[in-house]
Amino acid sequence: MAEQDRQSSAEAPPGSSTPATVAQPPPLPAARASRKTRVGQVVSDGMNKTIVVQTVTRVPHPRFGKIVKQKRKFYAHDEENKAKTGDTVRIMETRPLSKLKRWRLVEVLGK
């Protein structure tokens, strides 16, 4: 028994009761999923740093199959007040910025 204690203490550095371990690097952060983007027209720019973008999605009617347009409005953050009413813009999903804003302006595609 005394021989085993001497052997295990010979493997470990002096002053520690466990064998030496190699430090592991911290784990890499998880890759973020791609965020949703939409293209639409600015219908309002009256608020400071906020625009209202209307998108149109064409989908078939569930029962009749006719293609119908679904219109939806998004409040988007426009930091530099670049977009004006009537512009075509691309917006991207982001963290909640206010009660209604969950999107931000990526680029102005056309005037």
PDB file of N, CA and C in Angstrom:
ATOM      1  N   MET A   1       0.825  -1.180   0.000  1.00  0.00           N
ATOM      2  CA  MET A   1       0.000   0.000   0.000  1.00  0.00           C
ATOM      3  C   MET A   1       0.872   1.245   0.000  1.00  0.00           C
ATOM      4  N   ALA A   2       1.928   1.231   0.782  1.00  0.00           N
ATOM      5  CA  ALA A   2       2.815   2.374   0.849  1.00  0.00           C
ATOM      6  C   ALA A   2       3.512   2.582  -0.487  1.00  0.00           C
ATOM      7  N   GLU A   3       3.801   1.485  -1.214  1.00  0.00           N
ATOM      8  CA  GLU A   3       4.437   1.624  -2.514  1.00  0.00           C
ATOM      9  C   GLU A   3       3.497   2.291  -3.519  1.00  0.00           C
ATOM     10  N   GLN A   4       2.211   1.960  -3.466  1.00  0.00           N
ATOM     11  CA  GLN A   4       1.247   2.575  -4.372  1.00  0.00           C
ATOM     12  C   GLN A   4       1.141   4.076  -4.108  1.00  0.00           C
ATOM     13  N   ASP A   5       1.148   4.461  -2.844  1.00  0.00           N
ATOM     14  CA  ASP A   5       1.078   5.879  -2.511  1.00  0.00           C
ATOM     15  C   ASP A   5       2.290   6.620  -3.046  1.00  0.00           C
ATOM     16  N   ARG A   6       3.468   5.990  -2.934  1.00  0.00           N
ATOM     17  CA  ARG A   6       4.683   6.630  -3.428  1.00  0.00           C
ATOM     18  C   ARG A   6       4.655   6.752  -4.951  1.00  0.00           C
ATOM     19  N   GLN A   7       4.117   5.737  -5.652  1.00  0.00           N
ATOM     20  CA  GLN A   7       4.067   5.787  -7.106  1.00  0.00           C
ATOM     21  C   GLN A   7       3.091   6.862  -7.588  1.00  0.00           C
ATOM     22  N   SER A   8       1.933   6.925  -6.951  1.00  0.00           N
ATOM     23  CA  SER A   8       0.955   7.925  -7.386  1.00  0.00           C
ATOM     24  C   SER A   8       1.444   9.328  -7.054  1.00  0.00           C
ATOM     25  N   SER A   9       2.163   9.489  -5.944  1.00  0.00           N
ATOM     26  CA  SER A   9       2.682  10.812  -5.611  1.00  0.00           C
ATOM     27  C   SER A   9       3.843  11.182  -6.522  1.00  0.00           C
ATOM     28  N   ALA A  10       4.527  10.170  -7.098  1.00  0.00           N
ATOM     29  CA  ALA A  10       5.611  10.464  -8.012  1.00  0.00           C
ATOM     30  C   ALA A  10       5.060  10.971  -9.356  1.00  0.00           C
ATOM     31  N   GLU A  11       3.849  10.515  -9.730  1.00  0.00           N
ATOM     32  CA  GLU A  11       3.251  10.955 -10.987  1.00  0.00           C
ATOM     33  C   GLU A  11       2.708  12.372 -10.895  1.00  0.00           C
ATOM     34  N   ALA A  12       2.182  12.734  -9.750  1.00  0.00           N
ATOM     35  CA  ALA A  12       1.583  14.058  -9.573  1.00  0.00           C
ATOM     36  C   ALA A  12       2.666  15.050  -9.168  1.00  0.00           C
ATOM     37  N   PRO A  13       2.526  16.310  -9.575  1.00  0.00           N
ATOM     38  CA  PRO A  13       3.486  17.318  -9.141  1.00  0.00           C
ATOM     39  C   PRO A  13       3.402  17.521  -7.636  1.00  0.00           C
ATOM     40  N   PRO A  14       4.490  17.951  -7.017  1.00  0.00           N
ATOM     41  CA  PRO A  14       4.476  18.123  -5.567  1.00  0.00           C
ATOM     42  C   PRO A  14       3.452  19.176  -5.151  1.00  0.00           C
ATOM     43  N   GLY A  15       2.743  18.905  -4.074  1.00  0.00           N
ATOM     44  CA  GLY A  15       1.790  19.852  -3.532  1.00  0.00           C
ATOM     45  C   GLY A  15       0.376  19.675  -4.063  1.00  0.00           C
ATOM     46  N   SER A  16       0.163  18.742  -5.006  1.00  0.00           N
ATOM     47  CA  SER A  16      -1.201  18.517  -5.485  1.00  0.00           C
ATOM     48  C   SER A  16      -1.564  17.065  -5.260  1.00  0.00           C
ATOM     49  N   SER A  17      -2.834  16.828  -5.009  1.00  0.00           N
ATOM     50  CA  SER A  17      -3.271  15.473  -4.718  1.00  0.00           C
ATOM     51  C   SER A  17      -3.808  14.770  -5.962  1.00  0.00           C
ATOM     52  N   THR A  18      -4.008  15.505  -7.082  1.00  0.00           N
ATOM     53  CA  THR A  18      -4.509  14.882  -8.303  1.00  0.00           C
ATOM     54  C   THR A  18      -3.453  14.992  -9.402  1.00  0.00           C
ATOM     55  N   PRO A  19      -3.527  14.127 -10.388  1.00  0.00           N
ATOM     56  CA  PRO A  19      -2.573  14.226 -11.494  1.00  0.00           C
ATOM     57  C   PRO A  19      -2.768  15.530 -12.274  1.00  0.00           C
ATOM     58  N   ALA A  20      -1.694  15.976 -12.918  1.00  0.00           N
ATOM     59  CA  ALA A  20      -1.749  17.223 -13.677  1.00  0.00           C
ATOM     60  C   ALA A  20      -2.664  17.055 -14.886  1.00  0.00           C
ATOM     61  N   THR A  21      -3.504  18.069 -15.172  1.00  0.00           N
ATOM     62  CA  THR A  21      -4.390  18.044 -16.329  1.00  0.00           C
ATOM     63  C   THR A  21      -4.039  19.206 -17.249  1.00  0.00           C
ATOM     64  N   VAL A  22      -4.296  19.017 -18.526  1.00  0.00           N
ATOM     65  CA  VAL A  22      -4.033  20.052 -19.514  1.00  0.00           C
ATOM     66  C   VAL A  22      -5.239  20.997 -19.548  1.00  0.00           C
ATOM     67  N   ALA A  23      -4.975  22.299 -19.515  1.00  0.00           N
ATOM     68  CA  ALA A  23      -6.068  23.277 -19.539  1.00  0.00           C
ATOM     69  C   ALA A  23      -6.765  23.226 -20.901  1.00  0.00           C
ATOM     70  N   GLN A  24      -8.090  23.138 -20.879  1.00  0.00           N
ATOM     71  CA  GLN A  24      -8.885  23.104 -22.101  1.00  0.00           C
ATOM     72  C   GLN A  24      -9.272  24.528 -22.501  1.00  0.00           C
ATOM     73  N   PRO A  25      -9.219  24.860 -23.800  1.00  0.00           N
ATOM     74  CA  PRO A  25      -9.662  26.191 -24.220  1.00  0.00           C
ATOM     75  C   PRO A  25     -11.170  26.320 -24.028  1.00  0.00           C
ATOM     76  N   PRO A  26     -11.664  27.528 -23.851  1.00  0.00           N
ATOM     77  CA  PRO A  26     -13.112  27.688 -23.679  1.00  0.00           C
ATOM     78  C   PRO A  26     -13.850  27.243 -24.936  1.00  0.00           C
ATOM     79  N   PRO A  27     -15.080  26.743 -24.794  1.00  0.00           N
ATOM     80  CA  PRO A  27     -15.817  26.272 -25.971  1.00  0.00           C
ATOM     81  C   PRO A  27     -16.144  27.435 -26.905  1.00  0.00           C
ATOM     82  N   LEU A  28     -16.193  27.135 -28.191  1.00  0.00           N
ATOM     83  CA  LEU A  28     -16.517  28.167 -29.178  1.00  0.00           C
ATOM     84  C   LEU A  28     -17.986  28.547 -29.058  1.00  0.00           C
ATOM     85  N   PRO A  29     -18.324  29.828 -29.307  1.00  0.00           N
ATOM     86  CA  PRO A  29     -19.732  30.210 -29.233  1.00  0.00           C
ATOM     87  C   PRO A  29     -20.530  29.524 -30.331  1.00  0.00           C
ATOM     88  N   ALA A  30     -21.785  29.242 -30.032  1.00  0.00           N
ATOM     89  CA  ALA A  30     -22.638  28.574 -31.007  1.00  0.00           C
ATOM     90  C   ALA A  30     -22.872  29.496 -32.199  1.00  0.00           C
ATOM     91  N   ALA A  31     -22.874  28.930 -33.381  1.00  0.00           N
ATOM     92  CA  ALA A  31     -23.102  29.725 -34.586  1.00  0.00           C
ATOM     93  C   ALA A  31     -24.536  30.244 -34.574  1.00  0.00           C
ATOM     94  N   ARG A  32     -24.692  31.536 -34.869  1.00  0.00           N
ATOM     95  CA  ARG A  32     -26.015  32.138 -34.849  1.00  0.00           C
ATOM     96  C   ARG A  32     -26.765  31.757 -36.115  1.00  0.00           C
ATOM     97  N   ALA A  33     -28.032  31.454 -35.963  1.00  0.00           N
ATOM     98  CA  ALA A  33     -28.851  31.094 -37.118  1.00  0.00           C
ATOM     99  C   ALA A  33     -29.037  32.311 -38.005  1.00  0.00           C
ATOM    100  N   SER A  34     -29.226  32.073 -39.303  1.00  0.00           N
ATOM    101  CA  SER A  34     -29.427  33.195 -40.212  1.00  0.00           C
ATOM    102  C   SER A  34     -30.746  33.875 -39.873  1.00  0.00           C
ATOM    103  N   ARG A  35     -30.741  35.191 -39.970  1.00  0.00           N
ATOM    104  CA  ARG A  35     -31.920  35.960 -39.599  1.00  0.00           C
ATOM    105  C   ARG A  35     -32.826  36.160 -40.804  1.00  0.00           C
ATOM    106  N   LYS A  36     -34.113  36.296 -40.532  1.00  0.00           N
ATOM    107  CA  LYS A  36     -35.085  36.488 -41.602  1.00  0.00           C
ATOM    108  C   LYS A  36     -34.897  37.866 -42.225  1.00  0.00           C
ATOM    109  N   THR A  37     -35.084  37.950 -43.515  1.00  0.00           N
ATOM    110  CA  THR A  37     -35.062  39.238 -44.208  1.00  0.00           C
ATOM    111  C   THR A  37     -36.325  39.360 -45.033  1.00  0.00           C
ATOM    112  N   ARG A  38     -36.761  40.592 -45.220  1.00  0.00           N
ATOM    113  CA  ARG A  38     -37.945  40.882 -46.023  1.00  0.00           C
ATOM    114  C   ARG A  38     -37.649  42.077 -46.915  1.00  0.00           C
ATOM    115  N   VAL A  39     -38.305  42.120 -48.063  1.00  0.00           N
ATOM    116  CA  VAL A  39     -38.217  43.264 -48.964  1.00  0.00           C
ATOM    117  C   VAL A  39     -39.617  43.848 -49.064  1.00  0.00           C
ATOM    118  N   GLY A  40     -39.711  45.174 -48.901  1.00  0.00           N
ATOM    119  CA  GLY A  40     -41.024  45.804 -48.955  1.00  0.00           C
ATOM    120  C   GLY A  40     -40.911  47.286 -49.248  1.00  0.00           C
ATOM    121  N   GLN A  41     -42.058  47.949 -49.221  1.00  0.00           N
ATOM    122  CA  GLN A  41     -42.109  49.376 -49.490  1.00  0.00           C
ATOM    123  C   GLN A  41     -42.382  50.139 -48.217  1.00  0.00           C
ATOM    124  N   VAL A  42     -41.718  51.301 -48.086  1.00  0.00           N
ATOM    125  CA  VAL A  42     -41.926  52.156 -46.929  1.00  0.00           C
ATOM    126  C   VAL A  42     -43.258  52.866 -47.108  1.00  0.00           C
ATOM    127  N   VAL A  43     -44.156  52.699 -46.136  1.00  0.00           N
ATOM    128  CA  VAL A  43     -45.452  53.370 -46.209  1.00  0.00           C
ATOM    129  C   VAL A  43     -45.523  54.558 -45.252  1.00  0.00           C
ATOM    130  N   SER A  44     -44.574  54.632 -44.282  1.00  0.00           N
ATOM    131  CA  SER A  44     -44.551  55.766 -43.368  1.00  0.00           C
ATOM    132  C   SER A  44     -43.132  55.968 -42.854  1.00  0.00           C
ATOM    133  N   ASP A  45     -42.713  57.238 -42.778  1.00  0.00           N
ATOM    134  CA  ASP A  45     -41.410  57.572 -42.196  1.00  0.00           C
ATOM    135  C   ASP A  45     -41.551  58.774 -41.246  1.00  0.00           C
ATOM    136  N   GLY A  46     -42.739  58.965 -40.710  1.00  0.00           N
ATOM    137  CA  GLY A  46     -43.009  60.131 -39.874  1.00  0.00           C
ATOM    138  C   GLY A  46     -42.374  60.075 -38.499  1.00  0.00           C
ATOM    139  N   MET A  47     -41.995  58.898 -38.031  1.00  0.00           N
ATOM    140  CA  MET A  47     -41.394  58.760 -36.706  1.00  0.00           C
ATOM    141  C   MET A  47     -39.881  58.914 -36.799  1.00  0.00           C
ATOM    142  N   ASN A  48     -39.273  59.325 -35.703  1.00  0.00           N
ATOM    143  CA  ASN A  48     -37.822  59.490 -35.670  1.00  0.00           C
ATOM    144  C   ASN A  48     -37.152  58.122 -35.560  1.00  0.00           C
ATOM    145  N   LYS A  49     -36.280  57.799 -36.519  1.00  0.00           N
ATOM    146  CA  LYS A  49     -35.506  56.551 -36.560  1.00  0.00           C
ATOM    147  C   LYS A  49     -36.381  55.306 -36.687  1.00  0.00           C
ATOM    148  N   THR A  50     -37.598  55.468 -37.186  1.00  0.00           N
ATOM    149  CA  THR A  50     -38.498  54.330 -37.369  1.00  0.00           C
ATOM    150  C   THR A  50     -39.220  54.474 -38.698  1.00  0.00           C
ATOM    151  N   ILE A  51     -39.331  53.363 -39.411  1.00  0.00           N
ATOM    152  CA  ILE A  51     -40.108  53.341 -40.644  1.00  0.00           C
ATOM    153  C   ILE A  51     -41.125  52.210 -40.549  1.00  0.00           C
ATOM    154  N   VAL A  52     -42.197  52.330 -41.325  1.00  0.00           N
ATOM    155  CA  VAL A  52     -43.177  51.259 -41.428  1.00  0.00           C
ATOM    156  C   VAL A  52     -43.056  50.696 -42.832  1.00  0.00           C
ATOM    157  N   VAL A  53     -42.783  49.389 -42.911  1.00  0.00           N
ATOM    158  CA  VAL A  53     -42.553  48.729 -44.198  1.00  0.00           C
ATOM    159  C   VAL A  53     -43.688  47.739 -44.435  1.00  0.00           C
ATOM    160  N   GLN A  54     -44.292  47.813 -45.626  1.00  0.00           N
ATOM    161  CA  GLN A  54     -45.343  46.874 -45.991  1.00  0.00           C
ATOM    162  C   GLN A  54     -44.780  45.863 -46.977  1.00  0.00           C
ATOM    163  N   THR A  55     -44.944  44.578 -46.648  1.00  0.00           N
ATOM    164  CA  THR A  55     -44.487  43.516 -47.532  1.00  0.00           C
ATOM    165  C   THR A  55     -45.700  42.825 -48.145  1.00  0.00           C
ATOM    166  N   VAL A  56     -45.522  42.301 -49.330  1.00  0.00           N
ATOM    167  CA  VAL A  56     -46.584  41.581 -50.027  1.00  0.00           C
ATOM    168  C   VAL A  56     -46.074  40.173 -50.317  1.00  0.00           C
ATOM    169  N   THR A  57     -46.806  39.180 -49.830  1.00  0.00           N
ATOM    170  CA  THR A  57     -46.468  37.784 -50.062  1.00  0.00           C
ATOM    171  C   THR A  57     -47.589  37.158 -50.887  1.00  0.00           C
ATOM    172  N   ARG A  58     -47.237  36.468 -51.949  1.00  0.00           N
ATOM    173  CA  ARG A  58     -48.234  35.814 -52.796  1.00  0.00           C
ATOM    174  C   ARG A  58     -48.288  34.339 -52.431  1.00  0.00           C
ATOM    175  N   VAL A  59     -49.452  33.881 -51.967  1.00  0.00           N
ATOM    176  CA  VAL A  59     -49.622  32.486 -51.558  1.00  0.00           C
ATOM    177  C   VAL A  59     -50.927  31.950 -52.147  1.00  0.00           C
ATOM    178  N   PRO A  60     -50.998  30.651 -52.403  1.00  0.00           N
ATOM    179  CA  PRO A  60     -52.256  30.089 -52.889  1.00  0.00           C
ATOM    180  C   PRO A  60     -53.285  29.986 -51.760  1.00  0.00           C
ATOM    181  N   HIS A  61     -54.547  30.216 -52.096  1.00  0.00           N
ATOM    182  CA  HIS A  61     -55.626  30.070 -51.118  1.00  0.00           C
ATOM    183  C   HIS A  61     -55.707  28.600 -50.713  1.00  0.00           C
ATOM    184  N   PRO A  62     -55.883  28.319 -49.415  1.00  0.00           N
ATOM    185  CA  PRO A  62     -55.847  26.919 -48.969  1.00  0.00           C
ATOM    186  C   PRO A  62     -56.928  26.029 -49.603  1.00  0.00           C
ATOM    187  N   ARG A  63     -58.103  26.582 -49.859  1.00  0.00           N
ATOM    188  CA  ARG A  63     -59.174  25.748 -50.404  1.00  0.00           C
ATOM    189  C   ARG A  63     -59.286  25.858 -51.920  1.00  0.00           C
ATOM    190  N   PHE A  64     -59.200  27.069 -52.454  1.00  0.00           N
ATOM    191  CA  PHE A  64     -59.504  27.280 -53.861  1.00  0.00           C
ATOM    192  C   PHE A  64     -58.278  27.331 -54.764  1.00  0.00           C
ATOM    193  N   GLY A  65     -57.097  27.527 -54.186  1.00  0.00           N
ATOM    194  CA  GLY A  65     -55.879  27.486 -54.976  1.00  0.00           C
ATOM    195  C   GLY A  65     -55.540  28.770 -55.703  1.00  0.00           C
ATOM    196  N   LYS A  66     -56.424  29.756 -55.673  1.00  0.00           N
ATOM    197  CA  LYS A  66     -56.136  31.032 -56.335  1.00  0.00           C
ATOM    198  C   LYS A  66     -55.009  31.749 -55.594  1.00  0.00           C
ATOM    199  N   ILE A  67     -54.110  32.384 -56.334  1.00  0.00           N
ATOM    200  CA  ILE A  67     -53.018  33.140 -55.726  1.00  0.00           C
ATOM    201  C   ILE A  67     -53.583  34.436 -55.144  1.00  0.00           C
ATOM    202  N   VAL A  68     -53.370  34.627 -53.849  1.00  0.00           N
ATOM    203  CA  VAL A  68     -53.839  35.843 -53.187  1.00  0.00           C
ATOM    204  C   VAL A  68     -52.641  36.557 -52.564  1.00  0.00           C
ATOM    205  N   LYS A  69     -52.763  37.865 -52.407  1.00  0.00           N
ATOM    206  CA  LYS A  69     -51.700  38.664 -51.813  1.00  0.00           C
ATOM    207  C   LYS A  69     -51.962  38.828 -50.321  1.00  0.00           C
ATOM    208  N   GLN A  70     -50.940  38.568 -49.527  1.00  0.00           N
ATOM    209  CA  GLN A  70     -51.016  38.833 -48.097  1.00  0.00           C
ATOM    210  C   GLN A  70     -50.135  40.027 -47.804  1.00  0.00           C
ATOM    211  N   LYS A  71     -50.714  41.087 -47.255  1.00  0.00           N
ATOM    212  CA  LYS A  71     -49.953  42.282 -46.927  1.00  0.00           C
ATOM    213  C   LYS A  71     -49.729  42.330 -45.426  1.00  0.00           C
ATOM    214  N   ARG A  72     -48.516  42.708 -45.050  1.00  0.00           N
ATOM    215  CA  ARG A  72     -48.177  42.780 -43.635  1.00  0.00           C
ATOM    216  C   ARG A  72     -47.285  43.982 -43.407  1.00  0.00           C
ATOM    217  N   LYS A  73     -47.479  44.675 -42.286  1.00  0.00           N
ATOM    218  CA  LYS A  73     -46.671  45.851 -41.962  1.00  0.00           C
ATOM    219  C   LYS A  73     -45.675  45.485 -40.863  1.00  0.00           C
ATOM    220  N   PHE A  74     -44.447  45.987 -41.015  1.00  0.00           N
ATOM    221  CA  PHE A  74     -43.397  45.792 -40.028  1.00  0.00           C
ATOM    222  C   PHE A  74     -42.860  47.152 -39.620  1.00  0.00           C
ATOM    223  N   TYR A  75     -42.654  47.346 -38.336  1.00  0.00           N
ATOM    224  CA  TYR A  75     -41.973  48.538 -37.846  1.00  0.00           C
ATOM    225  C   TYR A  75     -40.490  48.219 -37.822  1.00  0.00           C
ATOM    226  N   ALA A  76     -39.684  49.062 -38.447  1.00  0.00           N
ATOM    227  CA  ALA A  76     -38.248  48.792 -38.563  1.00  0.00           C
ATOM    228  C   ALA A  76     -37.444  49.994 -38.086  1.00  0.00           C
ATOM    229  N   HIS A  77     -36.275  49.706 -37.524  1.00  0.00           N
ATOM    230  CA  HIS A  77     -35.375  50.749 -37.027  1.00  0.00           C
ATOM    231  C   HIS A  77     -34.515  51.280 -38.171  1.00  0.00           C
ATOM    232  N   ASP A  78     -34.537  52.593 -38.351  1.00  0.00           N
ATOM    233  CA  ASP A  78     -33.758  53.270 -39.397  1.00  0.00           C
ATOM    234  C   ASP A  78     -32.871  54.294 -38.694  1.00  0.00           C
ATOM    235  N   GLU A  79     -31.676  53.882 -38.317  1.00  0.00           N
ATOM    236  CA  GLU A  79     -30.792  54.701 -37.477  1.00  0.00           C
ATOM    237  C   GLU A  79     -30.493  56.063 -38.083  1.00  0.00           C
ATOM    238  N   GLU A  80     -30.294  56.129 -39.385  1.00  0.00           N
ATOM    239  CA  GLU A  80     -29.870  57.386 -40.020  1.00  0.00           C
ATOM    240  C   GLU A  80     -31.001  58.094 -40.756  1.00  0.00           C
ATOM    241  N   ASN A  81     -32.232  57.641 -40.589  1.00  0.00           N
ATOM    242  CA  ASN A  81     -33.399  58.226 -41.276  1.00  0.00           C
ATOM    243  C   ASN A  81     -33.169  58.327 -42.788  1.00  0.00           C
ATOM    244  N   LYS A  82     -32.617  57.250 -43.385  1.00  0.00           N
ATOM    245  CA  LYS A  82     -32.305  57.252 -44.818  1.00  0.00           C
ATOM    246  C   LYS A  82     -33.524  56.975 -45.675  1.00  0.00           C
ATOM    247  N   ALA A  83     -34.397  56.078 -45.246  1.00  0.00           N
ATOM    248  CA  ALA A  83     -35.520  55.650 -46.070  1.00  0.00           C
ATOM    249  C   ALA A  83     -36.653  56.670 -46.022  1.00  0.00           C
ATOM    250  N   LYS A  84     -37.247  56.888 -47.171  1.00  0.00           N
ATOM    251  CA  LYS A  84     -38.377  57.809 -47.286  1.00  0.00           C
ATOM    252  C   LYS A  84     -39.595  57.043 -47.811  1.00  0.00           C
ATOM    253  N   THR A  85     -40.767  57.629 -47.652  1.00  0.00           N
ATOM    254  CA  THR A  85     -42.001  56.990 -48.103  1.00  0.00           C
ATOM    255  C   THR A  85     -41.914  56.671 -49.604  1.00  0.00           C
ATOM    256  N   GLY A  86     -42.280  55.447 -49.956  1.00  0.00           N
ATOM    257  CA  GLY A  86     -42.240  55.013 -51.344  1.00  0.00           C
ATOM    258  C   GLY A  86     -40.986  54.246 -51.713  1.00  0.00           C
ATOM    259  N   ASP A  87     -39.947  54.284 -50.896  1.00  0.00           N
ATOM    260  CA  ASP A  87     -38.708  53.556 -51.185  1.00  0.00           C
ATOM    261  C   ASP A  87     -38.922  52.051 -51.022  1.00  0.00           C
ATOM    262  N   THR A  88     -38.199  51.266 -51.805  1.00  0.00           N
ATOM    263  CA  THR A  88     -38.151  49.819 -51.628  1.00  0.00           C
ATOM    264  C   THR A  88     -36.928  49.509 -50.775  1.00  0.00           C
ATOM    265  N   VAL A  89     -37.135  48.764 -49.682  1.00  0.00           N
ATOM    266  CA  VAL A  89     -36.058  48.531 -48.715  1.00  0.00           C
ATOM    267  C   VAL A  89     -35.972  47.051 -48.357  1.00  0.00           C
ATOM    268  N   ARG A  90     -34.816  46.677 -47.818  1.00  0.00           N
ATOM    269  CA  ARG A  90     -34.627  45.340 -47.250  1.00  0.00           C
ATOM    270  C   ARG A  90     -34.475  45.511 -45.739  1.00  0.00           C
ATOM    271  N   ILE A  91     -35.239  44.723 -44.970  1.00  0.00           N
ATOM    272  CA  ILE A  91     -35.156  44.772 -43.510  1.00  0.00           C
ATOM    273  C   ILE A  91     -34.754  43.402 -42.986  1.00  0.00           C
ATOM    274  N   MET A  92     -34.192  43.379 -41.786  1.00  0.00           N
ATOM    275  CA  MET A  92     -33.703  42.138 -41.183  1.00  0.00           C
ATOM    276  C   MET A  92     -34.232  42.022 -39.759  1.00  0.00           C
ATOM    277  N   GLU A  93     -34.544  40.807 -39.366  1.00  0.00           N
ATOM    278  CA  GLU A  93     -35.029  40.532 -38.022  1.00  0.00           C
ATOM    279  C   GLU A  93     -33.937  40.846 -37.000  1.00  0.00           C
ATOM    280  N   THR A  94     -34.324  41.360 -35.837  1.00  0.00           N
ATOM    281  CA  THR A  94     -33.359  41.669 -34.793  1.00  0.00           C
ATOM    282  C   THR A  94     -34.026  41.511 -33.429  1.00  0.00           C
ATOM    283  N   ARG A  95     -33.293  41.790 -32.382  1.00  0.00           N
ATOM    284  CA  ARG A  95     -33.864  41.697 -31.037  1.00  0.00           C
ATOM    285  C   ARG A  95     -34.927  42.782 -30.870  1.00  0.00           C
ATOM    286  N   PRO A  96     -35.828  42.629 -29.921  1.00  0.00           N
ATOM    287  CA  PRO A  96     -36.842  43.664 -29.726  1.00  0.00           C
ATOM    288  C   PRO A  96     -36.207  44.998 -29.340  1.00  0.00           C
ATOM    289  N   LEU A  97     -36.555  46.042 -30.091  1.00  0.00           N
ATOM    290  CA  LEU A  97     -36.022  47.374 -29.838  1.00  0.00           C
ATOM    291  C   LEU A  97     -37.035  48.256 -29.122  1.00  0.00           C
ATOM    292  N   SER A  98     -38.308  47.933 -29.263  1.00  0.00           N
ATOM    293  CA  SER A  98     -39.371  48.661 -28.561  1.00  0.00           C
ATOM    294  C   SER A  98     -40.597  47.749 -28.537  1.00  0.00           C
ATOM    295  N   LYS A  99     -41.732  48.323 -28.180  1.00  0.00           N
ATOM    296  CA  LYS A  99     -42.949  47.515 -28.102  1.00  0.00           C
ATOM    297  C   LYS A  99     -43.293  46.868 -29.442  1.00  0.00           C
ATOM    298  N   LEU A 100     -43.082  47.581 -30.544  1.00  0.00           N
ATOM    299  CA  LEU A 100     -43.460  47.077 -31.860  1.00  0.00           C
ATOM    300  C   LEU A 100     -42.284  46.768 -32.776  1.00  0.00           C
ATOM    301  N   LYS A 101     -41.113  47.346 -32.530  1.00  0.00           N
ATOM    302  CA  LYS A 101     -39.986  47.193 -33.466  1.00  0.00           C
ATOM    303  C   LYS A 101     -39.176  45.942 -33.179  1.00  0.00           C
ATOM    304  N   ARG A 102     -39.134  45.052 -34.173  1.00  0.00           N
ATOM    305  CA  ARG A 102     -38.299  43.842 -34.102  1.00  0.00           C
ATOM    306  C   ARG A 102     -37.495  43.664 -35.374  1.00  0.00           C
ATOM    307  N   TRP A 103     -37.414  44.702 -36.209  1.00  0.00           N
ATOM    308  CA  TRP A 103     -36.711  44.653 -37.484  1.00  0.00           C
ATOM    309  C   TRP A 103     -35.827  45.877 -37.606  1.00  0.00           C
ATOM    310  N   ARG A 104     -34.779  45.781 -38.441  1.00  0.00           N
ATOM    311  CA  ARG A 104     -33.922  46.937 -38.697  1.00  0.00           C
ATOM    312  C   ARG A 104     -33.659  47.051 -40.189  1.00  0.00           C
ATOM    313  N   LEU A 105     -33.425  48.275 -40.623  1.00  0.00           N
ATOM    314  CA  LEU A 105     -33.167  48.548 -42.037  1.00  0.00           C
ATOM    315  C   LEU A 105     -31.779  48.038 -42.404  1.00  0.00           C
ATOM    316  N   VAL A 106     -31.694  47.269 -43.506  1.00  0.00           N
ATOM    317  CA  VAL A 106     -30.408  46.798 -44.001  1.00  0.00           C
ATOM    318  C   VAL A 106     -29.923  47.702 -45.116  1.00  0.00           C
ATOM    319  N   GLU A 107     -30.786  47.932 -46.109  1.00  0.00           N
ATOM    320  CA  GLU A 107     -30.403  48.785 -47.235  1.00  0.00           C
ATOM    321  C   GLU A 107     -31.626  49.316 -47.949  1.00  0.00           C
ATOM    322  N   VAL A 108     -31.437  50.440 -48.616  1.00  0.00           N
ATOM    323  CA  VAL A 108     -32.476  50.999 -49.470  1.00  0.00           C
ATOM    324  C   VAL A 108     -32.196  50.491 -50.883  1.00  0.00           C
ATOM    325  N   LEU A 109     -33.136  49.736 -51.447  1.00  0.00           N
ATOM    326  CA  LEU A 109     -32.932  49.109 -52.752  1.00  0.00           C
ATOM    327  C   LEU A 109     -33.284  50.048 -53.900  1.00  0.00           C
ATOM    328  N   GLY A 110     -34.289  50.864 -53.744  1.00  0.00           N
ATOM    329  CA  GLY A 110     -34.699  51.757 -54.815  1.00  0.00           C
ATOM    330  C   GLY A 110     -35.511  52.912 -54.284  1.00  0.00           C
ATOM    331  N   LYS A 111     -35.497  54.000 -55.043  1.00  0.00           N
ATOM    332  CA  LYS A 111     -36.232  55.196 -54.633  1.00  0.00           C
ATOM    333  C   LYS A 111     -37.615  55.176 -55.231  1.00  0.00           C
TER     334      LYS A 111
END
